[in-house]
Protein backbone atom coordinates (compact mmCIF):
# COMPACT_ATOMS: atom_id res chain seq x y z
CA MET A 1 63.74 178.84 -53.29
CA GLN A 2 65.99 176.94 -55.69
CA LYS A 3 64.36 173.92 -57.27
CA PRO A 4 66.30 170.65 -56.87
CA ALA A 5 66.04 170.01 -60.61
CA LEU A 6 67.64 173.31 -61.63
CA PRO A 7 71.30 172.16 -61.54
CA GLY A 8 70.45 169.12 -63.63
CA PHE A 9 68.53 171.23 -66.13
CA ALA A 10 71.27 173.85 -66.44
CA VAL A 11 74.07 171.33 -66.90
CA SER A 12 71.98 169.26 -69.34
CA ALA A 13 71.14 172.33 -71.45
CA GLY A 14 74.80 173.33 -71.67
CA MET A 15 75.85 169.77 -72.42
CA LEU A 16 73.32 169.37 -75.25
CA TRP A 17 74.40 172.68 -76.84
CA LEU A 18 78.04 171.61 -76.71
CA LEU A 19 77.12 168.19 -78.14
CA ALA A 20 75.22 169.81 -81.02
CA GLY A 21 78.28 171.86 -81.98
CA ALA A 22 80.62 168.88 -81.72
CA LEU A 23 78.40 166.65 -83.86
CA TYR A 24 77.99 169.36 -86.49
CA LYS A 25 81.76 169.73 -86.73
CA LEU A 26 82.09 165.96 -86.96
CA PHE A 27 79.57 165.39 -89.76
CA GLU A 28 79.30 168.73 -91.59
CA GLY A 29 82.18 170.99 -90.61
CA SER A 30 85.67 171.40 -91.98
CA PRO A 31 88.94 173.00 -90.84
CA ASN A 32 88.00 175.92 -93.08
CA ASP A 33 85.30 176.85 -90.55
CA LEU A 34 87.72 177.37 -87.65
CA PRO A 35 88.07 181.02 -86.59
CA GLN A 36 91.36 182.51 -87.75
CA ILE A 37 92.35 183.29 -84.17
CA VAL A 38 92.15 179.57 -83.36
CA LYS A 39 94.30 178.65 -86.36
CA ASP A 40 96.88 181.28 -85.42
CA MET A 41 97.12 180.23 -81.77
CA SER A 42 97.09 176.46 -82.28
CA PRO A 43 100.48 174.71 -82.58
CA LEU A 44 98.73 172.09 -84.73
CA SER A 45 97.60 172.25 -88.33
CA ALA A 46 94.03 173.35 -89.03
CA TRP A 47 93.15 169.73 -89.74
CA GLU A 48 94.59 168.45 -86.45
CA THR A 49 93.14 171.39 -84.52
CA MET A 50 89.64 170.61 -85.70
CA ARG A 51 89.98 166.96 -84.77
CA ALA A 52 91.39 167.85 -81.33
CA ALA A 53 88.56 170.33 -80.71
CA ILE A 54 85.92 167.67 -81.42
CA ILE A 55 87.67 165.16 -79.15
CA VAL A 56 87.80 167.66 -76.26
CA GLU A 57 84.17 168.70 -76.69
CA LEU A 58 82.91 165.10 -76.83
CA ALA A 59 85.09 164.19 -73.84
CA VAL A 60 83.54 167.03 -71.82
CA VAL A 61 80.05 165.90 -72.85
CA GLY A 62 80.87 162.37 -71.72
CA LEU A 63 82.20 163.64 -68.39
CA VAL A 64 78.98 165.61 -67.77
CA ILE A 65 76.94 162.47 -68.45
CA ALA A 66 79.14 160.25 -66.26
CA LYS A 67 80.03 162.62 -63.41
CA PRO A 68 77.93 165.81 -63.59
CA ARG A 69 79.17 167.07 -60.24
CA ILE A 70 82.69 167.23 -61.74
CA GLY A 71 81.78 167.67 -65.40
CA TRP A 72 79.95 170.98 -64.88
CA PHE A 73 83.27 172.71 -64.16
CA PHE A 74 84.83 171.59 -67.46
CA LEU A 75 81.60 172.45 -69.27
CA ALA A 76 81.63 175.99 -67.89
CA ALA A 77 85.35 176.29 -68.64
CA THR A 78 84.68 175.28 -72.26
CA PHE A 79 82.10 178.04 -72.60
CA GLY A 80 84.64 180.43 -71.11
CA VAL A 81 87.13 179.48 -73.85
CA PHE A 82 84.42 180.01 -76.47
CA LEU A 83 83.72 183.50 -75.11
CA ALA A 84 87.44 184.35 -75.24
CA ILE A 85 87.52 183.29 -78.91
CA LEU A 86 84.30 185.11 -79.82
CA PHE A 87 85.20 188.45 -78.26
CA PRO A 88 87.85 189.44 -80.86
CA LEU A 89 85.49 188.28 -83.62
CA VAL A 90 82.87 190.70 -82.34
CA GLN A 91 85.45 193.48 -82.19
CA ALA A 92 86.53 192.73 -85.76
CA GLY A 93 82.92 192.93 -86.96
CA GLU A 94 82.84 189.37 -88.34
CA SER A 95 79.48 188.38 -89.83
CA SER A 96 79.68 184.73 -88.68
CA CYS A 97 81.51 182.94 -85.90
CA GLY A 98 81.92 179.73 -87.93
CA CYS A 99 80.89 177.68 -84.89
CA PHE A 100 78.44 175.63 -86.96
CA GLY A 101 80.31 175.78 -90.24
CA SER A 102 79.90 177.96 -93.29
CA ASN A 103 76.33 176.78 -94.02
CA VAL A 104 74.96 178.11 -90.71
CA THR A 105 75.55 181.82 -90.15
CA ILE A 106 75.48 182.93 -86.52
CA LYS A 107 76.85 186.32 -85.59
CA PRO A 108 79.60 186.20 -82.95
CA GLU A 109 77.63 188.50 -80.62
CA HIS A 110 74.63 186.16 -80.80
CA MET A 111 76.82 183.15 -80.05
CA MET A 112 78.39 185.05 -77.14
CA ALA A 113 74.91 185.66 -75.74
CA ILE A 114 74.04 181.95 -75.97
CA ASP A 115 77.31 180.64 -74.55
CA GLY A 116 77.45 183.34 -71.88
CA GLY A 117 73.84 182.75 -70.92
CA LEU A 118 74.38 179.01 -70.54
CA MET A 119 77.53 179.54 -68.46
CA LEU A 120 75.71 182.00 -66.22
CA LEU A 121 72.78 179.60 -65.82
CA ILE A 122 75.18 176.82 -64.78
CA PHE A 123 76.75 178.98 -62.08
CA ILE A 124 73.39 180.27 -60.82
CA SER A 125 72.12 176.68 -60.46
CA ARG A 126 75.06 175.80 -58.15
CA PRO A 127 75.78 172.36 -59.67
CA TRP A 128 78.51 171.64 -57.11
CA ARG A 129 75.66 170.79 -54.73
CA MET A 130 74.55 167.88 -56.89
CA SER A 131 74.75 164.38 -55.49
CA PRO A 132 78.17 162.70 -55.84
CA ASP A 133 76.36 159.59 -57.07
CA ALA A 134 74.64 161.37 -59.96
CA GLY A 135 75.49 160.14 -63.47
CA LEU A 136 76.87 156.90 -64.86
CA GLY A 137 80.04 156.93 -62.81
CA TRP A 138 83.65 156.46 -63.87
CA ALA A 139 82.94 152.99 -65.30
CA GLY A 140 80.37 154.55 -67.62
CA TYR A 141 82.78 157.32 -68.63
CA LEU A 142 85.39 155.00 -70.15
CA PRO A 143 83.29 153.91 -73.18
CA LEU A 144 82.12 157.50 -73.69
CA LEU A 145 85.73 158.69 -73.69
CA ALA A 146 86.65 155.94 -76.15
CA VAL A 147 83.91 157.12 -78.51
CA ALA A 148 85.03 160.74 -78.11
CA VAL A 149 88.54 159.84 -79.23
CA ALA A 150 87.70 157.25 -81.90
CA ALA A 151 84.84 159.03 -83.70
CA PRO A 152 86.87 161.95 -85.12
CA TRP A 153 89.68 159.63 -86.19
CA MET A 154 87.28 157.25 -87.94
CA LYS A 155 84.99 159.85 -89.51
CA LEU A 156 87.46 162.57 -90.46
CA GLN A 157 89.97 161.18 -92.90
CA GLU A 158 92.52 163.67 -94.20
CA PRO A 159 91.55 164.61 -97.76
CA THR A 160 93.66 163.63 -100.73
CA MET A 161 94.02 166.01 -103.66
CA PRO A 162 92.50 164.69 -106.91
CA THR A 163 94.63 164.25 -110.02
CA PRO A 164 95.39 167.72 -111.41
CA GLN A 165 93.86 168.76 -114.72
CA LYS A 166 96.15 168.65 -117.74
CA ARG A 167 97.04 171.74 -119.72
CA PRO A 168 94.70 172.13 -122.73
CA GLY A 169 96.41 171.22 -125.97
CA THR A 170 98.75 168.66 -124.38
CA GLU A 171 96.32 165.99 -123.20
CA LEU A 172 92.58 165.73 -122.78
CA THR A 173 91.30 166.92 -119.43
CA GLN A 174 90.29 164.20 -117.00
CA ASN A 175 86.60 164.99 -117.59
CA ALA A 176 86.74 164.79 -121.38
CA PRO A 177 86.48 161.32 -122.92
CA PRO A 178 88.79 160.44 -125.83
CA THR A 179 87.28 160.93 -129.26
CA LYS A 180 88.47 160.15 -132.76
CA ASP A 181 89.20 163.86 -133.27
CA SER A 182 90.92 164.40 -129.92
CA GLU A 183 94.22 165.29 -131.57
CA ALA A 184 92.60 168.45 -132.95
CA GLY A 185 92.65 170.10 -129.52
CA PRO A 186 91.00 170.11 -126.10
CA PHE A 187 87.33 169.32 -125.76
CA VAL A 188 85.14 172.38 -125.16
CA ALA A 189 81.42 172.22 -124.54
CA ASP A 190 78.94 175.03 -125.08
CA ARG A 191 75.83 176.66 -123.62
CA ASP A 192 76.47 175.63 -120.02
CA HIS A 193 76.26 171.94 -120.86
CA ASP A 194 78.84 169.20 -120.89
CA LEU A 195 78.31 167.50 -124.23
CA SER A 196 81.07 164.95 -123.69
CA GLY A 197 80.22 161.54 -125.03
CA THR A 198 77.49 162.99 -127.27
CA LEU A 199 79.22 165.36 -129.69
CA ASP A 200 82.60 165.18 -131.31
CA SER A 201 85.15 167.68 -130.07
CA LYS A 202 85.14 171.16 -131.59
CA LYS A 203 87.30 171.39 -134.68
CA PRO A 204 89.47 174.43 -135.36
CA THR A 205 89.26 175.88 -138.86
CA ASP A 206 92.19 177.23 -140.87
CA ASP A 207 91.77 180.71 -139.44
CA GLY A 208 91.65 179.42 -135.85
CA GLU A 209 87.90 179.65 -135.36
CA VAL A 210 86.40 176.83 -133.31
CA LEU A 211 83.20 175.34 -134.65
CA LEU A 212 80.66 173.19 -132.84
CA PRO A 213 79.01 170.35 -134.81
CA LYS A 214 75.31 170.98 -135.30
CA LEU A 215 72.60 168.86 -133.75
CA PRO A 216 69.70 167.59 -135.89
CA PRO A 217 66.93 170.22 -136.25
CA GLY A 218 64.57 170.29 -133.31
CA GLU A 219 66.67 167.98 -131.14
CA PRO A 220 67.39 169.55 -127.74
CA ILE A 221 70.86 169.67 -126.25
CA PRO A 222 71.12 166.52 -124.14
CA GLU A 223 71.53 166.98 -120.41
CA PRO A 224 74.62 165.24 -119.03
CA GLU A 225 74.23 162.32 -116.68
CA PRO A 226 75.13 163.22 -113.08
CA VAL A 227 78.65 162.13 -112.26
CA PRO A 228 79.02 160.58 -108.77
CA VAL A 229 81.98 162.63 -107.60
CA GLU A 230 81.89 161.36 -104.02
CA ASP A 231 84.35 158.58 -104.84
CA ILE A 232 86.89 160.79 -106.62
CA LEU A 233 86.67 164.07 -104.71
CA PRO A 234 87.25 164.72 -101.00
CA GLU A 235 84.49 165.99 -98.73
CA PHE A 236 86.32 169.30 -98.36
CA TRP A 237 89.48 171.08 -99.32
CA GLU A 238 91.10 174.35 -98.30
CA LEU A 239 92.12 176.15 -101.47
CA ARG A 240 95.11 178.42 -100.86
CA PRO A 241 94.98 181.50 -103.13
CA ASP A 242 97.91 182.97 -101.18
CA THR A 243 100.14 180.35 -102.84
CA TRP A 244 98.96 180.95 -106.44
CA THR A 245 100.82 184.13 -107.39
CA GLY A 246 103.71 183.45 -109.77
CA LYS A 247 102.74 179.80 -110.27
CA ASP A 248 101.71 178.06 -113.44
CA LEU A 249 97.93 177.67 -113.28
CA TYR A 250 98.21 173.93 -113.77
CA GLU A 251 100.62 173.57 -110.86
CA THR A 252 98.18 175.00 -108.29
CA ASP A 253 95.66 173.18 -106.12
CA LEU A 254 92.92 174.89 -108.14
CA ALA A 255 93.87 172.79 -111.17
CA SER A 256 92.86 169.64 -109.29
CA PHE A 257 89.24 170.74 -109.13
CA ILE A 258 88.41 172.88 -112.18
CA ASP A 259 85.98 171.15 -114.55
CA GLN A 260 87.14 172.08 -118.04
CA SER A 261 84.51 170.07 -119.88
CA GLU A 262 82.74 173.43 -120.38
CA GLY A 263 85.78 175.42 -121.44
CA ALA A 264 89.43 176.07 -120.72
CA ILE A 265 91.36 178.73 -118.82
CA LEU A 266 93.77 179.98 -121.47
CA PRO A 267 96.71 182.42 -121.30
CA GLY A 268 95.67 186.07 -121.31
CA SER A 269 92.60 185.52 -119.14
CA HIS A 270 91.06 187.53 -116.31
CA VAL A 271 89.44 184.94 -114.04
CA VAL A 272 86.65 185.55 -111.53
CA LEU A 273 85.53 182.87 -109.06
CA TYR A 274 81.99 183.32 -107.74
CA ARG A 275 79.14 181.58 -105.96
CA ARG A 276 75.56 182.05 -107.13
CA THR A 277 74.34 182.61 -103.55
CA CYS A 278 76.96 185.28 -102.76
CA SER A 279 75.61 188.84 -102.57
CA VAL A 280 79.08 190.37 -102.98
CA CYS A 281 79.55 188.23 -106.10
CA LYS A 282 76.29 189.62 -107.46
CA GLU A 283 77.55 193.18 -106.99
CA HIS A 284 80.92 192.48 -108.64
CA LEU A 285 79.48 190.58 -111.60
CA THR A 286 76.87 193.29 -112.17
CA GLN A 287 79.67 195.85 -112.17
CA LEU A 288 81.60 193.82 -114.77
CA TRP A 289 78.45 193.58 -116.88
CA GLU A 290 77.94 197.35 -116.74
CA GLU A 291 81.57 197.95 -117.70
CA ALA A 292 81.17 195.66 -120.71
CA GLN A 293 78.03 197.54 -121.77
CA ASN A 294 79.88 200.84 -121.63
CA ASP A 295 82.98 199.47 -123.36
CA PRO A 296 82.22 196.53 -125.71
CA THR A 297 85.95 196.10 -126.39
CA LYS A 298 86.84 195.56 -122.72
CA TRP A 299 86.98 191.76 -123.07
CA SER A 300 88.17 191.58 -126.66
CA GLY A 301 91.39 190.44 -128.27
CA GLU A 302 93.84 188.83 -125.89
CA ASN A 303 92.03 190.08 -122.78
CA GLN A 304 89.61 187.21 -122.11
CA LEU A 305 87.10 186.93 -119.29
CA VAL A 306 86.68 183.55 -117.60
CA LEU A 307 84.01 182.91 -114.97
CA ILE A 308 84.55 180.03 -112.54
CA ARG A 309 81.43 179.09 -110.62
CA VAL A 310 82.01 177.46 -107.25
CA ILE A 311 79.11 175.03 -107.08
CA GLU A 312 77.73 174.52 -103.59
CA ASN A 313 76.11 171.38 -102.26
CA LYS A 314 72.79 173.15 -101.61
CA ASP A 315 72.88 175.38 -104.67
CA LEU A 316 69.22 175.81 -105.62
CA THR A 317 68.14 177.73 -108.70
CA GLU A 318 65.65 179.83 -106.74
CA GLU A 319 68.49 181.00 -104.46
CA ASN A 320 70.56 182.29 -107.38
CA LEU A 321 71.47 185.94 -106.78
CA CYS A 322 73.81 186.29 -109.75
CA THR A 323 71.21 186.74 -112.48
CA VAL A 324 73.21 189.39 -114.37
CA LEU A 325 76.50 188.08 -115.72
CA PRO A 326 78.98 189.57 -118.19
CA GLU A 327 79.32 187.43 -121.32
CA PRO A 328 82.54 185.50 -120.72
CA HIS A 329 84.83 183.81 -123.19
CA GLN A 330 84.69 180.66 -121.10
CA ARG A 331 82.65 179.27 -118.24
CA VAL A 332 84.37 176.85 -115.88
CA SER A 333 83.13 175.32 -112.64
CA LEU A 334 84.34 173.76 -109.41
CA PRO A 335 82.18 170.70 -108.61
CA ALA A 336 80.36 170.72 -105.29
CA LEU A 337 82.21 169.32 -102.28
CA LYS A 338 80.09 168.23 -99.33
CA ARG A 339 81.88 170.57 -96.93
CA GLY A 340 83.16 173.16 -99.37
CA TYR A 341 86.48 174.65 -100.44
CA GLY A 342 87.07 177.17 -97.67
CA LEU A 343 87.39 179.85 -100.35
CA LYS A 344 85.99 183.35 -100.02
CA THR A 345 84.22 184.75 -103.06
CA PRO A 346 84.37 186.69 -105.24
CA MET A 347 88.05 186.06 -105.99
CA SER A 348 89.88 187.17 -109.12
CA PHE A 349 93.27 186.69 -110.74
CA ASP A 350 94.97 187.10 -114.10
CA VAL A 351 96.67 184.41 -116.18
CA ASP A 352 99.50 185.94 -118.21
CA MET A 353 100.69 184.75 -121.62
CA ASN A 354 103.08 182.31 -119.93
CA ASN A 355 100.15 180.76 -118.05
CA MET A 356 101.38 182.22 -114.76
CA ILE A 357 98.89 183.51 -112.18
CA GLN A 358 99.19 187.19 -111.24
CA ASN A 359 97.19 189.80 -109.31
CA VAL A 360 95.27 187.46 -107.00
CA GLN A 361 92.58 189.53 -105.25
CA ASP A 362 90.09 188.66 -102.54
CA LEU A 363 87.21 190.87 -103.68
CA SER A 364 85.04 189.94 -100.70
CA VAL A 365 86.94 192.45 -98.53
CA HIS A 366 86.56 195.37 -100.94
């Protein structure tokens, strides 16, 4: 015999699961996490689609709380839409559905099992037999609906691109402080440390060699003070490698984020973007290292190797997979954004002698 509490339990379980997803999108997610099928089908931009999705999900949650006898139908319908989105992801063999952002990996088939199971439980419980007086009522729904609409608009402000980096040799980069020798060339730090504000800039000799001033014997290289980037960088940004080909490097969106206090991306460079926690990056960087061991001249002369590390917000040393790296000419980094860049790694491209980007490749699909 069906227990009287079963409809309430089923609807509440589905509502809480939907609320968890909506809140994660609101506080941790980004438009980069939306499945591609959603971006393709939506008439709105990815940014507007994400905001609309959160509003709808919170509105359904509010309706379940206020009028569960009506709200269950919209809750079940929402799970039905989720299943329709997940099915092609399963067919395509995607490793993550993106439902809880890029930091939480859930396979589409697992998410289908959860959403489908909750929808089935709702129907089995027969929630249409619930009391018409259950819930807060329509008067209670109005403030919940107001919160559902206002929260995404207040929390999710459209990101603004930071000031692009300047081309080395023309002006100092935005991360390098002016020094008395700044006219000698761009500031370049060494040994994975930003020495800005501590050492004078490197000075080129007559034959073009760049020398680094020596520290007093026994004095360690000073660690840089953490820079609070929250006030100057957005929470997230969707880098668009598909727009880079044929563009001057310093006219791309990438130039707004690269930290050149460590080095500069110069003409004649082969550039690889990687994350330390990326297993595919580990394989590609190990391959580059092996190639350099077999052919020491591979990255010599005008053919320079530049490694750009995409720093993640939860990038712990013990989680570093990329322990074998080829010796690059320069190391550059992208500072951590709270919600990421929406960029697949590893990614590579070439910078020709005119500073134009060529041969952009998404190596994660190879």
